[in-house]
Amino acid sequence: MSAQGHTWSQQVKKEDEEEDPLDQLISRSGCAASHYAVQECMAHHQDWRQCQPQVQAFRDCMSEQQARRREELQRRKEQSSAHR
């Protein structure tokens, strides 16, 4: 029975090590601080209407990140076309 408990704790540890894909995306975006600010506000107020400044800051950050990503993809596309 103790071996079974030991196996279970190993499985929990392995699951804890896997990061949520959404969290990975937000971390790579550079907007994690804004995201956490929204989460903290929501935990404190439990009303998204009171968290609009944090929501807007997160939205702005993600929009800027998406624009940078589009520009980078366009730049790579143009460079690959120029090398052909």
N, C-alpha and C. Protein backbone atom coordinates (compact mmCIF):
# COMPACT_ATOMS: atom_id res chain seq x y z
N MET A 1 0.81 -1.19 0.00
CA MET A 1 0.00 0.00 0.00
C MET A 1 0.86 1.25 0.00
N SER A 2 1.98 1.23 0.67
CA SER A 2 2.85 2.40 0.68
C SER A 2 3.45 2.64 -0.70
N ALA A 3 3.67 1.56 -1.46
CA ALA A 3 4.20 1.73 -2.81
C ALA A 3 3.18 2.45 -3.68
N GLN A 4 1.91 2.13 -3.48
CA GLN A 4 0.86 2.79 -4.25
C GLN A 4 0.82 4.28 -3.94
N GLY A 5 0.94 4.64 -2.68
CA GLY A 5 0.98 6.05 -2.29
C GLY A 5 2.18 6.74 -2.89
N HIS A 6 3.31 6.05 -2.93
CA HIS A 6 4.53 6.62 -3.50
C HIS A 6 4.35 6.88 -5.00
N THR A 7 3.75 5.94 -5.69
CA THR A 7 3.50 6.10 -7.12
C THR A 7 2.58 7.30 -7.37
N TRP A 8 1.55 7.43 -6.54
CA TRP A 8 0.61 8.53 -6.69
C TRP A 8 1.32 9.86 -6.54
N SER A 9 2.20 9.99 -5.56
CA SER A 9 2.89 11.27 -5.34
C SER A 9 3.81 11.59 -6.51
N GLN A 10 4.38 10.58 -7.15
CA GLN A 10 5.21 10.83 -8.32
C GLN A 10 4.35 11.36 -9.47
N GLN A 11 3.15 10.82 -9.63
CA GLN A 11 2.27 11.27 -10.70
C GLN A 11 1.84 12.70 -10.46
N VAL A 12 1.54 13.06 -9.24
CA VAL A 12 1.13 14.43 -8.93
C VAL A 12 2.28 15.37 -9.23
N LYS A 13 3.48 15.00 -8.83
CA LYS A 13 4.63 15.86 -9.09
C LYS A 13 4.81 16.06 -10.60
N LYS A 14 4.67 15.00 -11.38
CA LYS A 14 4.84 15.10 -12.82
C LYS A 14 3.78 16.03 -13.41
N GLU A 15 2.53 15.93 -12.95
CA GLU A 15 1.47 16.80 -13.45
C GLU A 15 1.73 18.24 -13.08
N ASP A 16 2.26 18.48 -11.87
CA ASP A 16 2.56 19.84 -11.43
C ASP A 16 3.64 20.49 -12.29
N GLU A 17 4.54 19.68 -12.82
CA GLU A 17 5.65 20.20 -13.62
C GLU A 17 5.19 20.67 -15.00
N GLU A 18 4.08 20.12 -15.48
CA GLU A 18 3.58 20.49 -16.80
C GLU A 18 2.86 21.83 -16.69
N GLU A 19 3.33 22.79 -17.46
CA GLU A 19 2.70 24.11 -17.43
C GLU A 19 1.54 24.15 -18.42
N ASP A 20 0.50 24.83 -18.02
CA ASP A 20 -0.68 24.99 -18.86
C ASP A 20 -0.29 25.71 -20.16
N PRO A 21 -0.76 25.23 -21.32
CA PRO A 21 -0.40 25.88 -22.59
C PRO A 21 -0.78 27.37 -22.64
N LEU A 22 -1.90 27.72 -22.03
CA LEU A 22 -2.30 29.13 -22.00
C LEU A 22 -1.30 29.95 -21.18
N ASP A 23 -0.87 29.40 -20.04
CA ASP A 23 0.14 30.10 -19.23
C ASP A 23 1.45 30.25 -20.00
N GLN A 24 1.82 29.23 -20.75
CA GLN A 24 3.03 29.31 -21.58
C GLN A 24 2.91 30.42 -22.61
N LEU A 25 1.76 30.50 -23.27
CA LEU A 25 1.52 31.52 -24.28
C LEU A 25 1.63 32.92 -23.68
N ILE A 26 0.99 33.11 -22.54
CA ILE A 26 1.01 34.42 -21.88
C ILE A 26 2.42 34.77 -21.43
N SER A 27 3.14 33.81 -20.90
CA SER A 27 4.52 34.06 -20.48
C SER A 27 5.40 34.47 -21.65
N ARG A 28 5.26 33.78 -22.77
CA ARG A 28 6.06 34.10 -23.96
C ARG A 28 5.68 35.45 -24.55
N SER A 29 4.46 35.88 -24.31
CA SER A 29 4.00 37.14 -24.89
C SER A 29 4.62 38.35 -24.23
N GLY A 30 5.10 38.18 -23.01
CA GLY A 30 5.62 39.31 -22.27
C GLY A 30 4.53 40.05 -21.51
N CYS A 31 3.34 39.49 -21.47
CA CYS A 31 2.18 40.13 -20.83
C CYS A 31 1.78 39.44 -19.53
N ALA A 32 2.64 38.63 -18.99
CA ALA A 32 2.29 37.86 -17.79
C ALA A 32 1.95 38.78 -16.61
N ALA A 33 2.70 39.86 -16.44
CA ALA A 33 2.43 40.76 -15.31
C ALA A 33 1.03 41.35 -15.41
N SER A 34 0.63 41.74 -16.61
CA SER A 34 -0.72 42.28 -16.81
C SER A 34 -1.78 41.21 -16.56
N HIS A 35 -1.49 40.01 -17.00
CA HIS A 35 -2.43 38.90 -16.79
C HIS A 35 -2.61 38.62 -15.30
N TYR A 36 -1.50 38.59 -14.57
CA TYR A 36 -1.58 38.34 -13.13
C TYR A 36 -2.31 39.48 -12.41
N ALA A 37 -2.15 40.70 -12.90
CA ALA A 37 -2.86 41.84 -12.30
C ALA A 37 -4.37 41.67 -12.46
N VAL A 38 -4.80 41.17 -13.63
CA VAL A 38 -6.23 40.90 -13.84
C VAL A 38 -6.69 39.81 -12.88
N GLN A 39 -5.91 38.75 -12.76
CA GLN A 39 -6.28 37.66 -11.88
C GLN A 39 -6.37 38.13 -10.42
N GLU A 40 -5.41 38.92 -9.98
CA GLU A 40 -5.43 39.42 -8.60
C GLU A 40 -6.64 40.32 -8.37
N CYS A 41 -6.93 41.19 -9.31
CA CYS A 41 -8.08 42.08 -9.20
C CYS A 41 -9.37 41.27 -9.11
N MET A 42 -9.49 40.28 -9.98
CA MET A 42 -10.70 39.45 -9.98
C MET A 42 -10.84 38.68 -8.67
N ALA A 43 -9.73 38.21 -8.13
CA ALA A 43 -9.78 37.48 -6.86
C ALA A 43 -10.21 38.42 -5.73
N HIS A 44 -9.75 39.65 -5.81
CA HIS A 44 -10.06 40.62 -4.75
C HIS A 44 -11.49 41.14 -4.87
N HIS A 45 -11.90 41.57 -6.05
CA HIS A 45 -13.21 42.21 -6.24
C HIS A 45 -14.33 41.25 -6.63
N GLN A 46 -13.97 40.14 -7.30
CA GLN A 46 -14.94 39.18 -7.80
C GLN A 46 -15.98 39.84 -8.71
N ASP A 47 -15.53 40.87 -9.43
CA ASP A 47 -16.42 41.59 -10.34
C ASP A 47 -15.55 42.20 -11.45
N TRP A 48 -15.67 41.66 -12.65
CA TRP A 48 -14.80 42.10 -13.74
C TRP A 48 -14.97 43.58 -14.06
N ARG A 49 -16.13 44.14 -13.76
CA ARG A 49 -16.36 45.55 -14.05
C ARG A 49 -15.45 46.45 -13.22
N GLN A 50 -15.06 46.00 -12.06
CA GLN A 50 -14.15 46.79 -11.22
C GLN A 50 -12.69 46.60 -11.62
N CYS A 51 -12.44 45.73 -12.58
CA CYS A 51 -11.07 45.42 -13.00
C CYS A 51 -10.79 45.91 -14.42
N GLN A 52 -11.60 46.82 -14.92
CA GLN A 52 -11.45 47.26 -16.30
C GLN A 52 -10.08 47.88 -16.62
N PRO A 53 -9.46 48.65 -15.72
CA PRO A 53 -8.11 49.17 -16.05
C PRO A 53 -7.11 48.03 -16.26
N GLN A 54 -7.18 46.99 -15.44
CA GLN A 54 -6.27 45.85 -15.58
C GLN A 54 -6.57 45.05 -16.83
N VAL A 55 -7.86 44.88 -17.12
CA VAL A 55 -8.27 44.15 -18.33
C VAL A 55 -7.79 44.91 -19.56
N GLN A 56 -7.96 46.22 -19.58
CA GLN A 56 -7.54 47.02 -20.73
C GLN A 56 -6.03 46.99 -20.90
N ALA A 57 -5.29 47.04 -19.80
CA ALA A 57 -3.82 46.97 -19.89
C ALA A 57 -3.38 45.63 -20.47
N PHE A 58 -4.03 44.54 -20.05
CA PHE A 58 -3.72 43.22 -20.58
C PHE A 58 -4.08 43.14 -22.05
N ARG A 59 -5.24 43.65 -22.41
CA ARG A 59 -5.68 43.66 -23.81
C ARG A 59 -4.68 44.44 -24.68
N ASP A 60 -4.28 45.61 -24.20
CA ASP A 60 -3.31 46.43 -24.95
C ASP A 60 -1.99 45.70 -25.13
N CYS A 61 -1.53 45.08 -24.05
CA CYS A 61 -0.26 44.34 -24.12
C CYS A 61 -0.35 43.21 -25.14
N MET A 62 -1.42 42.44 -25.10
CA MET A 62 -1.57 41.33 -26.04
C MET A 62 -1.71 41.84 -27.48
N SER A 63 -2.40 42.93 -27.67
CA SER A 63 -2.55 43.50 -29.02
C SER A 63 -1.19 43.93 -29.57
N GLU A 64 -0.39 44.58 -28.72
CA GLU A 64 0.95 45.00 -29.14
C GLU A 64 1.81 43.79 -29.47
N GLN A 65 1.70 42.75 -28.67
CA GLN A 65 2.48 41.54 -28.91
C GLN A 65 2.06 40.90 -30.23
N GLN A 66 0.77 40.84 -30.50
CA GLN A 66 0.29 40.26 -31.75
C GLN A 66 0.75 41.07 -32.95
N ALA A 67 0.77 42.38 -32.82
CA ALA A 67 1.24 43.23 -33.92
C ALA A 67 2.73 42.98 -34.17
N ARG A 68 3.50 42.88 -33.10
CA ARG A 68 4.94 42.58 -33.27
C ARG A 68 5.14 41.23 -33.93
N ARG A 69 4.32 40.24 -33.55
CA ARG A 69 4.42 38.91 -34.12
C ARG A 69 4.08 38.93 -35.61
N ARG A 70 3.01 39.66 -35.97
CA ARG A 70 2.65 39.77 -37.39
C ARG A 70 3.77 40.41 -38.19
N GLU A 71 4.36 41.49 -37.64
CA GLU A 71 5.46 42.16 -38.33
C GLU A 71 6.65 41.22 -38.52
N GLU A 72 6.95 40.44 -37.49
CA GLU A 72 8.07 39.50 -37.58
C GLU A 72 7.78 38.43 -38.63
N LEU A 73 6.58 37.90 -38.65
CA LEU A 73 6.23 36.89 -39.66
C LEU A 73 6.29 37.47 -41.07
N GLN A 74 5.81 38.71 -41.24
CA GLN A 74 5.86 39.36 -42.54
C GLN A 74 7.31 39.58 -42.98
N ARG A 75 8.14 40.01 -42.04
CA ARG A 75 9.55 40.23 -42.33
C ARG A 75 10.22 38.92 -42.77
N ARG A 76 9.92 37.83 -42.06
CA ARG A 76 10.50 36.53 -42.43
C ARG A 76 10.01 36.08 -43.80
N LYS A 77 8.73 36.32 -44.07
CA LYS A 77 8.17 35.94 -45.37
C LYS A 77 8.87 36.71 -46.49
N GLU A 78 9.06 38.01 -46.29
CA GLU A 78 9.73 38.84 -47.29
C GLU A 78 11.18 38.42 -47.49
N GLN A 79 11.87 38.07 -46.40
CA GLN A 79 13.26 37.65 -46.50
C GLN A 79 13.37 36.32 -47.24
N SER A 80 12.45 35.40 -46.96
CA SER A 80 12.52 34.11 -47.65
C SER A 80 12.18 34.26 -49.13
N SER A 81 11.30 35.19 -49.46
CA SER A 81 10.96 35.44 -50.87
C SER A 81 12.15 36.09 -51.58
N ALA A 82 12.88 36.95 -50.90
CA ALA A 82 14.02 37.65 -51.51
C ALA A 82 15.19 36.68 -51.77
N HIS A 83 15.29 35.62 -50.99
CA HIS A 83 16.40 34.66 -51.14
C HIS A 83 16.14 33.62 -52.21
N ARG A 84 14.98 33.62 -52.80
CA ARG A 84 14.66 32.60 -53.82
C ARG A 84 15.11 33.03 -55.17
